[in-house]
Amino acid sequence: MQQLSAVELEAWLAASARAPDHPETAARPRPILLDVREPWEYALCHLADSFLLPMQTVPARLAELDADADIVVICHHGVRSRQLGSFLENQGFRSVYNLAGGVDAWAREVDPTMRKY
């Protein structure tokens, strides 16, 4: 599984947001932002447009995910997301990224206004 820094994810999201207005840039499609934390953690802070799917529910809900899409797995510090990303790869998902450092890294490196816990 590939590791993705918060700054790299920010750049990817920015490029995919510009793509409709500038098709010549041929940006990568926006990834699915899969947040695997608990609902109470997600309520405290989360990345915009992320999809909450708590870690323990993923095996029963795999059909809700596109195995061919780029998926960035997110948790608090990057440990649970790394574990779940490996699980997804073992299930045949083709393009899985772990947000290294999780939402904590996002808050420190990209969005200092994001609540930290």
PDB file of N, CA and C in Angstrom:
ATOM      1  N   MET A   1       0.840  -1.173   0.000  1.00  0.00           N
ATOM      2  CA  MET A   1       0.000   0.000   0.000  1.00  0.00           C
ATOM      3  C   MET A   1       0.890   1.242   0.000  1.00  0.00           C
ATOM      4  N   GLN A   2       0.422   2.227  -0.713  1.00  0.00           N
ATOM      5  CA  GLN A   2       1.179   3.459  -0.820  1.00  0.00           C
ATOM      6  C   GLN A   2       0.869   4.394   0.353  1.00  0.00           C
ATOM      7  N   GLN A   3       1.876   5.112   0.802  1.00  0.00           N
ATOM      8  CA  GLN A   3       1.715   6.120   1.843  1.00  0.00           C
ATOM      9  C   GLN A   3       1.581   7.475   1.161  1.00  0.00           C
ATOM     10  N   LEU A   4       0.715   8.305   1.703  1.00  0.00           N
ATOM     11  CA  LEU A   4       0.468   9.620   1.129  1.00  0.00           C
ATOM     12  C   LEU A   4       0.545  10.631   2.261  1.00  0.00           C
ATOM     13  N   SER A   5       1.357  11.661   2.115  1.00  0.00           N
ATOM     14  CA  SER A   5       1.439  12.690   3.148  1.00  0.00           C
ATOM     15  C   SER A   5       0.229  13.608   3.034  1.00  0.00           C
ATOM     16  N   ALA A   6      -0.022  14.365   4.077  1.00  0.00           N
ATOM     17  CA  ALA A   6      -1.128  15.317   4.066  1.00  0.00           C
ATOM     18  C   ALA A   6      -0.931  16.357   2.959  1.00  0.00           C
ATOM     19  N   VAL A   7       0.284  16.814   2.771  1.00  0.00           N
ATOM     20  CA  VAL A   7       0.573  17.808   1.730  1.00  0.00           C
ATOM     21  C   VAL A   7       0.354  17.206   0.344  1.00  0.00           C
ATOM     22  N   GLU A   8       0.744  15.958   0.147  1.00  0.00           N
ATOM     23  CA  GLU A   8       0.515  15.299  -1.142  1.00  0.00           C
ATOM     24  C   GLU A   8      -0.982  15.136  -1.416  1.00  0.00           C
ATOM     25  N   LEU A   9      -1.745  14.768  -0.381  1.00  0.00           N
ATOM     26  CA  LEU A   9      -3.191  14.645  -0.554  1.00  0.00           C
ATOM     27  C   LEU A   9      -3.810  16.000  -0.872  1.00  0.00           C
ATOM     28  N   GLU A  10      -3.374  17.035  -0.191  1.00  0.00           N
ATOM     29  CA  GLU A  10      -3.888  18.378  -0.471  1.00  0.00           C
ATOM     30  C   GLU A  10      -3.668  18.741  -1.945  1.00  0.00           C
ATOM     31  N   ALA A  11      -2.475  18.455  -2.461  1.00  0.00           N
ATOM     32  CA  ALA A  11      -2.161  18.761  -3.857  1.00  0.00           C
ATOM     33  C   ALA A  11      -3.040  17.944  -4.805  1.00  0.00           C
ATOM     34  N   TRP A  12      -3.253  16.683  -4.488  1.00  0.00           N
ATOM     35  CA  TRP A  12      -4.098  15.818  -5.321  1.00  0.00           C
ATOM     36  C   TRP A  12      -5.527  16.365  -5.358  1.00  0.00           C
ATOM     37  N   LEU A  13      -6.060  16.715  -4.191  1.00  0.00           N
ATOM     38  CA  LEU A  13      -7.428  17.239  -4.121  1.00  0.00           C
ATOM     39  C   LEU A  13      -7.546  18.558  -4.873  1.00  0.00           C
ATOM     40  N   ALA A  14      -6.548  19.413  -4.743  1.00  0.00           N
ATOM     41  CA  ALA A  14      -6.575  20.694  -5.449  1.00  0.00           C
ATOM     42  C   ALA A  14      -6.528  20.484  -6.961  1.00  0.00           C
ATOM     43  N   ALA A  15      -5.680  19.576  -7.409  1.00  0.00           N
ATOM     44  CA  ALA A  15      -5.564  19.310  -8.854  1.00  0.00           C
ATOM     45  C   ALA A  15      -6.852  18.707  -9.399  1.00  0.00           C
ATOM     46  N   SER A  16      -7.471  17.818  -8.653  1.00  0.00           N
ATOM     47  CA  SER A  16      -8.710  17.201  -9.141  1.00  0.00           C
ATOM     48  C   SER A  16      -9.850  18.211  -9.149  1.00  0.00           C
ATOM     49  N   ALA A  17      -9.810  19.189  -8.263  1.00  0.00           N
ATOM     50  CA  ALA A  17     -10.843  20.227  -8.237  1.00  0.00           C
ATOM     51  C   ALA A  17     -10.716  21.156  -9.440  1.00  0.00           C
ATOM     52  N   ARG A  18      -9.491  21.370  -9.919  1.00  0.00           N
ATOM     53  CA  ARG A  18      -9.262  22.245 -11.077  1.00  0.00           C
ATOM     54  C   ARG A  18      -9.550  21.549 -12.398  1.00  0.00           C
ATOM     55  N   ALA A  19      -9.521  20.234 -12.415  1.00  0.00           N
ATOM     56  CA  ALA A  19      -9.610  19.475 -13.667  1.00  0.00           C
ATOM     57  C   ALA A  19     -10.819  19.820 -14.528  1.00  0.00           C
ATOM     58  N   PRO A  20     -12.038  19.980 -13.980  1.00  0.00           N
ATOM     59  CA  PRO A  20     -13.166  20.281 -14.866  1.00  0.00           C
ATOM     60  C   PRO A  20     -13.003  21.593 -15.638  1.00  0.00           C
ATOM     61  N   ASP A  21     -12.330  22.561 -15.051  1.00  0.00           N
ATOM     62  CA  ASP A  21     -12.133  23.847 -15.711  1.00  0.00           C
ATOM     63  C   ASP A  21     -10.923  23.850 -16.640  1.00  0.00           C
ATOM     64  N   HIS A  22     -10.013  22.911 -16.404  1.00  0.00           N
ATOM     65  CA  HIS A  22      -8.774  22.849 -17.184  1.00  0.00           C
ATOM     66  C   HIS A  22      -8.501  21.409 -17.602  1.00  0.00           C
ATOM     67  N   PRO A  23      -9.277  20.869 -18.545  1.00  0.00           N
ATOM     68  CA  PRO A  23      -9.101  19.471 -18.925  1.00  0.00           C
ATOM     69  C   PRO A  23      -7.725  19.168 -19.502  1.00  0.00           C
ATOM     70  N   GLU A  24      -7.041  20.184 -19.978  1.00  0.00           N
ATOM     71  CA  GLU A  24      -5.710  19.948 -20.543  1.00  0.00           C
ATOM     72  C   GLU A  24      -4.703  19.507 -19.481  1.00  0.00           C
ATOM     73  N   THR A  25      -5.006  19.744 -18.210  1.00  0.00           N
ATOM     74  CA  THR A  25      -4.074  19.326 -17.157  1.00  0.00           C
ATOM     75  C   THR A  25      -4.188  17.840 -16.860  1.00  0.00           C
ATOM     76  N   ALA A  26      -5.274  17.217 -17.285  1.00  0.00           N
ATOM     77  CA  ALA A  26      -5.484  15.777 -17.116  1.00  0.00           C
ATOM     78  C   ALA A  26      -5.138  15.308 -15.707  1.00  0.00           C
ATOM     79  N   ALA A  27      -5.701  15.975 -14.727  1.00  0.00           N
ATOM     80  CA  ALA A  27      -5.464  15.612 -13.328  1.00  0.00           C
ATOM     81  C   ALA A  27      -6.063  14.246 -13.016  1.00  0.00           C
ATOM     82  N   ARG A  28      -5.507  13.618 -12.022  1.00  0.00           N
ATOM     83  CA  ARG A  28      -6.080  12.356 -11.562  1.00  0.00           C
ATOM     84  C   ARG A  28      -7.466  12.622 -10.997  1.00  0.00           C
ATOM     85  N   PRO A  29      -8.363  11.672 -11.144  1.00  0.00           N
ATOM     86  CA  PRO A  29      -9.694  11.852 -10.550  1.00  0.00           C
ATOM     87  C   PRO A  29      -9.588  11.989  -9.031  1.00  0.00           C
ATOM     88  N   ARG A  30     -10.561  12.653  -8.464  1.00  0.00           N
ATOM     89  CA  ARG A  30     -10.604  12.817  -7.016  1.00  0.00           C
ATOM     90  C   ARG A  30     -10.710  11.441  -6.364  1.00  0.00           C
ATOM     91  N   PRO A  31      -9.907  11.187  -5.330  1.00  0.00           N
ATOM     92  CA  PRO A  31      -9.992   9.887  -4.662  1.00  0.00           C
ATOM     93  C   PRO A  31     -11.192   9.840  -3.720  1.00  0.00           C
ATOM     94  N   ILE A  32     -11.579   8.637  -3.378  1.00  0.00           N
ATOM     95  CA  ILE A  32     -12.551   8.433  -2.307  1.00  0.00           C
ATOM     96  C   ILE A  32     -11.785   8.634  -1.005  1.00  0.00           C
ATOM     97  N   LEU A  33     -12.287   9.482  -0.134  1.00  0.00           N
ATOM     98  CA  LEU A  33     -11.672   9.720   1.173  1.00  0.00           C
ATOM     99  C   LEU A  33     -12.432   8.872   2.181  1.00  0.00           C
ATOM    100  N   LEU A  34     -11.857   7.750   2.552  1.00  0.00           N
ATOM    101  CA  LEU A  34     -12.509   6.784   3.430  1.00  0.00           C
ATOM    102  C   LEU A  34     -12.002   6.952   4.859  1.00  0.00           C
ATOM    103  N   ASP A  35     -12.835   7.514   5.707  1.00  0.00           N
ATOM    104  CA  ASP A  35     -12.489   7.749   7.111  1.00  0.00           C
ATOM    105  C   ASP A  35     -12.958   6.549   7.918  1.00  0.00           C
ATOM    106  N   VAL A  36     -12.032   5.857   8.558  1.00  0.00           N
ATOM    107  CA  VAL A  36     -12.360   4.613   9.264  1.00  0.00           C
ATOM    108  C   VAL A  36     -12.400   4.785  10.786  1.00  0.00           C
ATOM    109  N   ARG A  37     -12.454   6.033  11.242  1.00  0.00           N
ATOM    110  CA  ARG A  37     -12.529   6.280  12.680  1.00  0.00           C
ATOM    111  C   ARG A  37     -13.945   6.033  13.192  1.00  0.00           C
ATOM    112  N   GLU A  38     -14.109   6.201  14.476  1.00  0.00           N
ATOM    113  CA  GLU A  38     -15.417   6.056  15.109  1.00  0.00           C
ATOM    114  C   GLU A  38     -16.246   7.323  14.877  1.00  0.00           C
ATOM    115  N   PRO A  39     -17.583   7.199  14.913  1.00  0.00           N
ATOM    116  CA  PRO A  39     -18.427   8.382  14.674  1.00  0.00           C
ATOM    117  C   PRO A  39     -18.109   9.563  15.585  1.00  0.00           C
ATOM    118  N   TRP A  40     -17.773   9.319  16.849  1.00  0.00           N
ATOM    119  CA  TRP A  40     -17.473  10.431  17.756  1.00  0.00           C
ATOM    120  C   TRP A  40     -16.203  11.168  17.320  1.00  0.00           C
ATOM    121  N   GLU A  41     -15.232  10.427  16.750  1.00  0.00           N
ATOM    122  CA  GLU A  41     -14.004  11.063  16.264  1.00  0.00           C
ATOM    123  C   GLU A  41     -14.301  11.903  15.020  1.00  0.00           C
ATOM    124  N   TYR A  42     -15.100  11.340  14.132  1.00  0.00           N
ATOM    125  CA  TYR A  42     -15.478  12.030  12.900  1.00  0.00           C
ATOM    126  C   TYR A  42     -16.234  13.316  13.223  1.00  0.00           C
ATOM    127  N   ALA A  43     -17.067  13.267  14.262  1.00  0.00           N
ATOM    128  CA  ALA A  43     -17.832  14.457  14.661  1.00  0.00           C
ATOM    129  C   ALA A  43     -16.908  15.572  15.145  1.00  0.00           C
ATOM    130  N   LEU A  44     -15.775  15.216  15.727  1.00  0.00           N
ATOM    131  CA  LEU A  44     -14.824  16.230  16.207  1.00  0.00           C
ATOM    132  C   LEU A  44     -14.146  16.958  15.054  1.00  0.00           C
ATOM    133  N   CYS A  45     -13.734  16.205  14.045  1.00  0.00           N
ATOM    134  CA  CYS A  45     -13.048  16.782  12.895  1.00  0.00           C
ATOM    135  C   CYS A  45     -12.967  15.749  11.785  1.00  0.00           C
ATOM    136  N   HIS A  46     -12.993  16.225  10.560  1.00  0.00           N
ATOM    137  CA  HIS A  46     -12.840  15.332   9.411  1.00  0.00           C
ATOM    138  C   HIS A  46     -12.527  16.163   8.165  1.00  0.00           C
ATOM    139  N   LEU A  47     -12.002  15.498   7.163  1.00  0.00           N
ATOM    140  CA  LEU A  47     -11.740  16.154   5.887  1.00  0.00           C
ATOM    141  C   LEU A  47     -13.062  16.318   5.151  1.00  0.00           C
ATOM    142  N   ALA A  48     -13.204  17.434   4.479  1.00  0.00           N
ATOM    143  CA  ALA A  48     -14.416  17.695   3.704  1.00  0.00           C
ATOM    144  C   ALA A  48     -14.635  16.586   2.680  1.00  0.00           C
ATOM    145  N   ASP A  49     -15.876  16.196   2.532  1.00  0.00           N
ATOM    146  CA  ASP A  49     -16.282  15.180   1.557  1.00  0.00           C
ATOM    147  C   ASP A  49     -15.729  13.788   1.842  1.00  0.00           C
ATOM    148  N   SER A  50     -15.285  13.551   3.073  1.00  0.00           N
ATOM    149  CA  SER A  50     -14.847  12.198   3.403  1.00  0.00           C
ATOM    150  C   SER A  50     -16.058  11.341   3.746  1.00  0.00           C
ATOM    151  N   PHE A  51     -15.897  10.059   3.564  1.00  0.00           N
ATOM    152  CA  PHE A  51     -16.955   9.069   3.761  1.00  0.00           C
ATOM    153  C   PHE A  51     -16.629   8.288   5.031  1.00  0.00           C
ATOM    154  N   LEU A  52     -17.494   8.370   6.036  1.00  0.00           N
ATOM    155  CA  LEU A  52     -17.268   7.660   7.297  1.00  0.00           C
ATOM    156  C   LEU A  52     -17.724   6.217   7.169  1.00  0.00           C
ATOM    157  N   LEU A  53     -16.805   5.310   7.426  1.00  0.00           N
ATOM    158  CA  LEU A  53     -17.090   3.884   7.451  1.00  0.00           C
ATOM    159  C   LEU A  53     -16.203   3.296   8.550  1.00  0.00           C
ATOM    160  N   PRO A  54     -16.717   3.258   9.794  1.00  0.00           N
ATOM    161  CA  PRO A  54     -15.881   2.786  10.905  1.00  0.00           C
ATOM    162  C   PRO A  54     -15.222   1.437  10.597  1.00  0.00           C
ATOM    163  N   MET A  55     -13.999   1.305  11.036  1.00  0.00           N
ATOM    164  CA  MET A  55     -13.150   0.175  10.697  1.00  0.00           C
ATOM    165  C   MET A  55     -13.839  -1.178  10.857  1.00  0.00           C
ATOM    166  N   GLN A  56     -14.518  -1.371  11.980  1.00  0.00           N
ATOM    167  CA  GLN A  56     -15.113  -2.683  12.232  1.00  0.00           C
ATOM    168  C   GLN A  56     -16.291  -2.992  11.314  1.00  0.00           C
ATOM    169  N   THR A  57     -16.836  -1.976  10.630  1.00  0.00           N
ATOM    170  CA  THR A  57     -17.975  -2.203   9.738  1.00  0.00           C
ATOM    171  C   THR A  57     -17.561  -2.490   8.299  1.00  0.00           C
ATOM    172  N   VAL A  58     -16.311  -2.249   7.964  1.00  0.00           N
ATOM    173  CA  VAL A  58     -15.868  -2.355   6.575  1.00  0.00           C
ATOM    174  C   VAL A  58     -16.065  -3.752   5.982  1.00  0.00           C
ATOM    175  N   PRO A  59     -15.669  -4.835   6.655  1.00  0.00           N
ATOM    176  CA  PRO A  59     -15.851  -6.147   6.014  1.00  0.00           C
ATOM    177  C   PRO A  59     -17.288  -6.421   5.570  1.00  0.00           C
ATOM    178  N   ALA A  60     -18.259  -6.002   6.347  1.00  0.00           N
ATOM    179  CA  ALA A  60     -19.663  -6.230   5.994  1.00  0.00           C
ATOM    180  C   ALA A  60     -20.175  -5.251   4.936  1.00  0.00           C
ATOM    181  N   ARG A  61     -19.418  -4.171   4.698  1.00  0.00           N
ATOM    182  CA  ARG A  61     -19.892  -3.122   3.782  1.00  0.00           C
ATOM    183  C   ARG A  61     -18.977  -2.928   2.574  1.00  0.00           C
ATOM    184  N   LEU A  62     -18.164  -3.925   2.249  1.00  0.00           N
ATOM    185  CA  LEU A  62     -17.228  -3.799   1.130  1.00  0.00           C
ATOM    186  C   LEU A  62     -17.918  -3.440  -0.176  1.00  0.00           C
ATOM    187  N   ALA A  63     -19.137  -3.913  -0.374  1.00  0.00           N
ATOM    188  CA  ALA A  63     -19.856  -3.662  -1.621  1.00  0.00           C
ATOM    189  C   ALA A  63     -20.133  -2.181  -1.839  1.00  0.00           C
ATOM    190  N   GLU A  64     -20.044  -1.372  -0.791  1.00  0.00           N
ATOM    191  CA  GLU A  64     -20.264   0.066  -0.919  1.00  0.00           C
ATOM    192  C   GLU A  64     -19.056   0.791  -1.510  1.00  0.00           C
ATOM    193  N   LEU A  65     -17.941   0.088  -1.638  1.00  0.00           N
ATOM    194  CA  LEU A  65     -16.706   0.697  -2.128  1.00  0.00           C
ATOM    195  C   LEU A  65     -16.382   0.201  -3.532  1.00  0.00           C
ATOM    196  N   ASP A  66     -15.808   1.066  -4.340  1.00  0.00           N
ATOM    197  CA  ASP A  66     -15.408   0.730  -5.704  1.00  0.00           C
ATOM    198  C   ASP A  66     -13.972   0.216  -5.683  1.00  0.00           C
ATOM    199  N   ALA A  67     -13.805  -1.060  -5.986  1.00  0.00           N
ATOM    200  CA  ALA A  67     -12.477  -1.690  -5.930  1.00  0.00           C
ATOM    201  C   ALA A  67     -11.505  -1.125  -6.962  1.00  0.00           C
ATOM    202  N   ASP A  68     -12.020  -0.421  -7.963  1.00  0.00           N
ATOM    203  CA  ASP A  68     -11.151   0.143  -8.993  1.00  0.00           C
ATOM    204  C   ASP A  68     -10.826   1.618  -8.773  1.00  0.00           C
ATOM    205  N   ALA A  69     -11.461   2.234  -7.793  1.00  0.00           N
ATOM    206  CA  ALA A  69     -11.244   3.666  -7.528  1.00  0.00           C
ATOM    207  C   ALA A  69      -9.990   3.879  -6.684  1.00  0.00           C
ATOM    208  N   ASP A  70      -9.460   5.092  -6.762  1.00  0.00           N
ATOM    209  CA  ASP A  70      -8.395   5.498  -5.839  1.00  0.00           C
ATOM    210  C   ASP A  70      -9.065   5.736  -4.493  1.00  0.00           C
ATOM    211  N   ILE A  71      -8.559   5.075  -3.453  1.00  0.00           N
ATOM    212  CA  ILE A  71      -9.121   5.218  -2.115  1.00  0.00           C
ATOM    213  C   ILE A  71      -8.016   5.647  -1.162  1.00  0.00           C
ATOM    214  N   VAL A  72      -8.250   6.758  -0.471  1.00  0.00           N
ATOM    215  CA  VAL A  72      -7.338   7.218   0.575  1.00  0.00           C
ATOM    216  C   VAL A  72      -7.999   6.884   1.908  1.00  0.00           C
ATOM    217  N   VAL A  73      -7.344   6.038   2.686  1.00  0.00           N
ATOM    218  CA  VAL A  73      -7.888   5.610   3.969  1.00  0.00           C
ATOM    219  C   VAL A  73      -7.331   6.524   5.052  1.00  0.00           C
ATOM    220  N   ILE A  74      -8.243   6.987   5.927  1.00  0.00           N
ATOM    221  CA  ILE A  74      -7.907   8.020   6.909  1.00  0.00           C
ATOM    222  C   ILE A  74      -8.314   7.581   8.302  1.00  0.00           C
ATOM    223  N   CYS A  75      -7.444   7.837   9.275  1.00  0.00           N
ATOM    224  CA  CYS A  75      -7.794   7.668  10.690  1.00  0.00           C
ATOM    225  C   CYS A  75      -7.140   8.816  11.471  1.00  0.00           C
ATOM    226  N   HIS A  76      -6.967   8.644  12.766  1.00  0.00           N
ATOM    227  CA  HIS A  76      -6.409   9.713  13.595  1.00  0.00           C
ATOM    228  C   HIS A  76      -4.924   9.931  13.327  1.00  0.00           C
ATOM    229  N   HIS A  77      -4.121   8.854  13.424  1.00  0.00           N
ATOM    230  CA  HIS A  77      -2.672   8.993  13.247  1.00  0.00           C
ATOM    231  C   HIS A  77      -2.094   8.140  12.119  1.00  0.00           C
ATOM    232  N   GLY A  78      -2.921   7.368  11.432  1.00  0.00           N
ATOM    233  CA  GLY A  78      -2.431   6.570  10.305  1.00  0.00           C
ATOM    234  C   GLY A  78      -2.207   5.108  10.589  1.00  0.00           C
ATOM    235  N   VAL A  79      -2.477   4.659  11.804  1.00  0.00           N
ATOM    236  CA  VAL A  79      -2.247   3.250  12.144  1.00  0.00           C
ATOM    237  C   VAL A  79      -3.429   2.379  11.716  1.00  0.00           C
ATOM    238  N   ARG A  80      -4.628   2.738  12.152  1.00  0.00           N
ATOM    239  CA  ARG A  80      -5.812   1.963  11.758  1.00  0.00           C
ATOM    240  C   ARG A  80      -6.005   1.994  10.248  1.00  0.00           C
ATOM    241  N   SER A  81      -5.773   3.153   9.661  1.00  0.00           N
ATOM    242  CA  SER A  81      -5.952   3.273   8.212  1.00  0.00           C
ATOM    243  C   SER A  81      -4.956   2.398   7.455  1.00  0.00           C
ATOM    244  N   ARG A  82      -3.751   2.274   7.959  1.00  0.00           N
ATOM    245  CA  ARG A  82      -2.758   1.393   7.320  1.00  0.00           C
ATOM    246  C   ARG A  82      -3.217  -0.053   7.403  1.00  0.00           C
ATOM    247  N   GLN A  83      -3.733  -0.456   8.560  1.00  0.00           N
ATOM    248  CA  GLN A  83      -4.236  -1.826   8.717  1.00  0.00           C
ATOM    249  C   GLN A  83      -5.406  -2.089   7.777  1.00  0.00           C
ATOM    250  N   LEU A  84      -6.336  -1.154   7.721  1.00  0.00           N
ATOM    251  CA  LEU A  84      -7.499  -1.345   6.874  1.00  0.00           C
ATOM    252  C   LEU A  84      -7.121  -1.293   5.398  1.00  0.00           C
ATOM    253  N   GLY A  85      -6.177  -0.443   5.056  1.00  0.00           N
ATOM    254  CA  GLY A  85      -5.707  -0.386   3.669  1.00  0.00           C
ATOM    255  C   GLY A  85      -5.131  -1.715   3.219  1.00  0.00           C
ATOM    256  N   SER A  86      -4.369  -2.361   4.084  1.00  0.00           N
ATOM    257  CA  SER A  86      -3.826  -3.691   3.762  1.00  0.00           C
ATOM    258  C   SER A  86      -4.953  -4.694   3.564  1.00  0.00           C
ATOM    259  N   PHE A  87      -5.972  -4.609   4.414  1.00  0.00           N
ATOM    260  CA  PHE A  87      -7.135  -5.482   4.270  1.00  0.00           C
ATOM    261  C   PHE A  87      -7.797  -5.267   2.911  1.00  0.00           C
ATOM    262  N   LEU A  88      -7.990  -4.001   2.523  1.00  0.00           N
ATOM    263  CA  LEU A  88      -8.616  -3.711   1.236  1.00  0.00           C
ATOM    264  C   LEU A  88      -7.795  -4.267   0.079  1.00  0.00           C
ATOM    265  N   GLU A  89      -6.496  -4.097   0.137  1.00  0.00           N
ATOM    266  CA  GLU A  89      -5.639  -4.649  -0.915  1.00  0.00           C
ATOM    267  C   GLU A  89      -5.786  -6.162  -0.989  1.00  0.00           C
ATOM    268  N   ASN A  90      -5.858  -6.821   0.145  1.00  0.00           N
ATOM    269  CA  ASN A  90      -6.033  -8.283   0.169  1.00  0.00           C
ATOM    270  C   ASN A  90      -7.385  -8.704  -0.382  1.00  0.00           C
ATOM    271  N   GLN A  91      -8.338  -7.777  -0.395  1.00  0.00           N
ATOM    272  CA  GLN A  91      -9.665  -8.053  -0.942  1.00  0.00           C
ATOM    273  C   GLN A  91      -9.757  -7.703  -2.428  1.00  0.00           C
ATOM    274  N   GLY A  92      -8.653  -7.279  -3.024  1.00  0.00           N
ATOM    275  CA  GLY A  92      -8.618  -7.005  -4.454  1.00  0.00           C
ATOM    276  C   GLY A  92      -8.752  -5.539  -4.845  1.00  0.00           C
ATOM    277  N   PHE A  93      -8.737  -4.638  -3.873  1.00  0.00           N
ATOM    278  CA  PHE A  93      -8.777  -3.216  -4.201  1.00  0.00           C
ATOM    279  C   PHE A  93      -7.441  -2.833  -4.822  1.00  0.00           C
ATOM    280  N   ARG A  94      -7.493  -2.077  -5.905  1.00  0.00           N
ATOM    281  CA  ARG A  94      -6.306  -1.858  -6.729  1.00  0.00           C
ATOM    282  C   ARG A  94      -5.468  -0.635  -6.390  1.00  0.00           C
ATOM    283  N   SER A  95      -6.099   0.395  -5.837  1.00  0.00           N
ATOM    284  CA  SER A  95      -5.388   1.664  -5.660  1.00  0.00           C
ATOM    285  C   SER A  95      -5.717   2.245  -4.286  1.00  0.00           C
ATOM    286  N   VAL A  96      -4.988   1.751  -3.282  1.00  0.00           N
ATOM    287  CA  VAL A  96      -5.256   2.138  -1.896  1.00  0.00           C
ATOM    288  C   VAL A  96      -4.062   2.932  -1.362  1.00  0.00           C
ATOM    289  N   TYR A  97      -4.370   4.035  -0.712  1.00  0.00           N
ATOM    290  CA  TYR A  97      -3.355   4.903  -0.114  1.00  0.00           C
ATOM    291  C   TYR A  97      -3.676   5.084   1.355  1.00  0.00           C
ATOM    292  N   ASN A  98      -2.650   5.131   2.179  1.00  0.00           N
ATOM    293  CA  ASN A  98      -2.813   5.447   3.591  1.00  0.00           C
ATOM    294  C   ASN A  98      -2.409   6.902   3.800  1.00  0.00           C
ATOM    295  N   LEU A  99      -3.288   7.678   4.466  1.00  0.00           N
ATOM    296  CA  LEU A  99      -2.906   9.046   4.817  1.00  0.00           C
ATOM    297  C   LEU A  99      -1.966   8.954   6.015  1.00  0.00           C
ATOM    298  N   ALA A 100      -0.680   9.071   5.746  1.00  0.00           N
ATOM    299  CA  ALA A 100       0.334   8.973   6.792  1.00  0.00           C
ATOM    300  C   ALA A 100       0.133  10.091   7.813  1.00  0.00           C
ATOM    301  N   GLY A 101       0.020   9.733   9.064  1.00  0.00           N
ATOM    302  CA  GLY A 101      -0.184  10.721  10.113  1.00  0.00           C
ATOM    303  C   GLY A 101      -1.636  11.078  10.343  1.00  0.00           C
ATOM    304  N   GLY A 102      -2.536  10.604   9.468  1.00  0.00           N
ATOM    305  CA  GLY A 102      -3.967  10.787   9.638  1.00  0.00           C
ATOM    306  C   GLY A 102      -4.431  12.233   9.699  1.00  0.00           C
ATOM    307  N   VAL A 103      -5.610  12.422  10.331  1.00  0.00           N
ATOM    308  CA  VAL A 103      -6.162  13.780  10.436  1.00  0.00           C
ATOM    309  C   VAL A 103      -5.275  14.661  11.309  1.00  0.00           C
ATOM    310  N   ASP A 104      -4.503  14.051  12.178  1.00  0.00           N
ATOM    311  CA  ASP A 104      -3.573  14.836  12.993  1.00  0.00           C
ATOM    312  C   ASP A 104      -2.544  15.527  12.097  1.00  0.00           C
ATOM    313  N   ALA A 105      -1.995  14.798  11.135  1.00  0.00           N
ATOM    314  CA  ALA A 105      -1.036  15.393  10.199  1.00  0.00           C
ATOM    315  C   ALA A 105      -1.720  16.442   9.321  1.00  0.00           C
ATOM    316  N   TRP A 106      -2.954  16.171   8.908  1.00  0.00           N
ATOM    317  CA  TRP A 106      -3.695  17.143   8.095  1.00  0.00           C
ATOM    318  C   TRP A 106      -3.845  18.458   8.869  1.00  0.00           C
ATOM    319  N   ALA A 107      -4.208  18.352  10.146  1.00  0.00           N
ATOM    320  CA  ALA A 107      -4.401  19.545  10.973  1.00  0.00           C
ATOM    321  C   ALA A 107      -3.081  20.291  11.198  1.00  0.00           C
ATOM    322  N   ARG A 108      -1.991  19.575  11.343  1.00  0.00           N
ATOM    323  CA  ARG A 108      -0.699  20.215  11.576  1.00  0.00           C
ATOM    324  C   ARG A 108      -0.090  20.803  10.308  1.00  0.00           C
ATOM    325  N   GLU A 109      -0.255  20.108   9.167  1.00  0.00           N
ATOM    326  CA  GLU A 109       0.469  20.483   7.955  1.00  0.00           C
ATOM    327  C   GLU A 109      -0.370  21.222   6.910  1.00  0.00           C
ATOM    328  N   VAL A 110      -1.691  21.042   6.939  1.00  0.00           N
ATOM    329  CA  VAL A 110      -2.535  21.603   5.880  1.00  0.00           C
ATOM    330  C   VAL A 110      -3.564  22.587   6.418  1.00  0.00           C
ATOM    331  N   ASP A 111      -4.296  22.204   7.458  1.00  0.00           N
ATOM    332  CA  ASP A 111      -5.395  23.021   7.954  1.00  0.00           C
ATOM    333  C   ASP A 111      -5.268  23.241   9.459  1.00  0.00           C
ATOM    334  N   PRO A 112      -4.516  24.269   9.856  1.00  0.00           N
ATOM    335  CA  PRO A 112      -4.313  24.507  11.288  1.00  0.00           C
ATOM    336  C   PRO A 112      -5.588  24.902  12.033  1.00  0.00           C
ATOM    337  N   THR A 113      -6.658  25.200  11.298  1.00  0.00           N
ATOM    338  CA  THR A 113      -7.926  25.525  11.970  1.00  0.00           C
ATOM    339  C   THR A 113      -8.706  24.259  12.360  1.00  0.00           C
ATOM    340  N   MET A 114      -8.285  23.105  11.829  1.00  0.00           N
ATOM    341  CA  MET A 114      -8.979  21.862  12.151  1.00  0.00           C
ATOM    342  C   MET A 114      -8.787  21.511  13.620  1.00  0.00           C
ATOM    343  N   ARG A 115      -9.840  21.075  14.242  1.00  0.00           N
ATOM    344  CA  ARG A 115      -9.774  20.671  15.649  1.00  0.00           C
ATOM    345  C   ARG A 115      -8.843  19.470  15.804  1.00  0.00           C
ATOM    346  N   LYS A 116      -8.059  19.485  16.844  1.00  0.00           N
ATOM    347  CA  LYS A 116      -7.147  18.377  17.154  1.00  0.00           C
ATOM    348  C   LYS A 116      -7.630  17.688  18.414  1.00  0.00           C
ATOM    349  N   TYR A 117      -7.352  16.414  18.497  1.00  0.00           N
ATOM    350  CA  TYR A 117      -7.730  15.669  19.712  1.00  0.00           C
ATOM    351  C   TYR A 117      -6.689  14.624  20.011  1.00  0.00           C
TER     352      TYR A 117
END
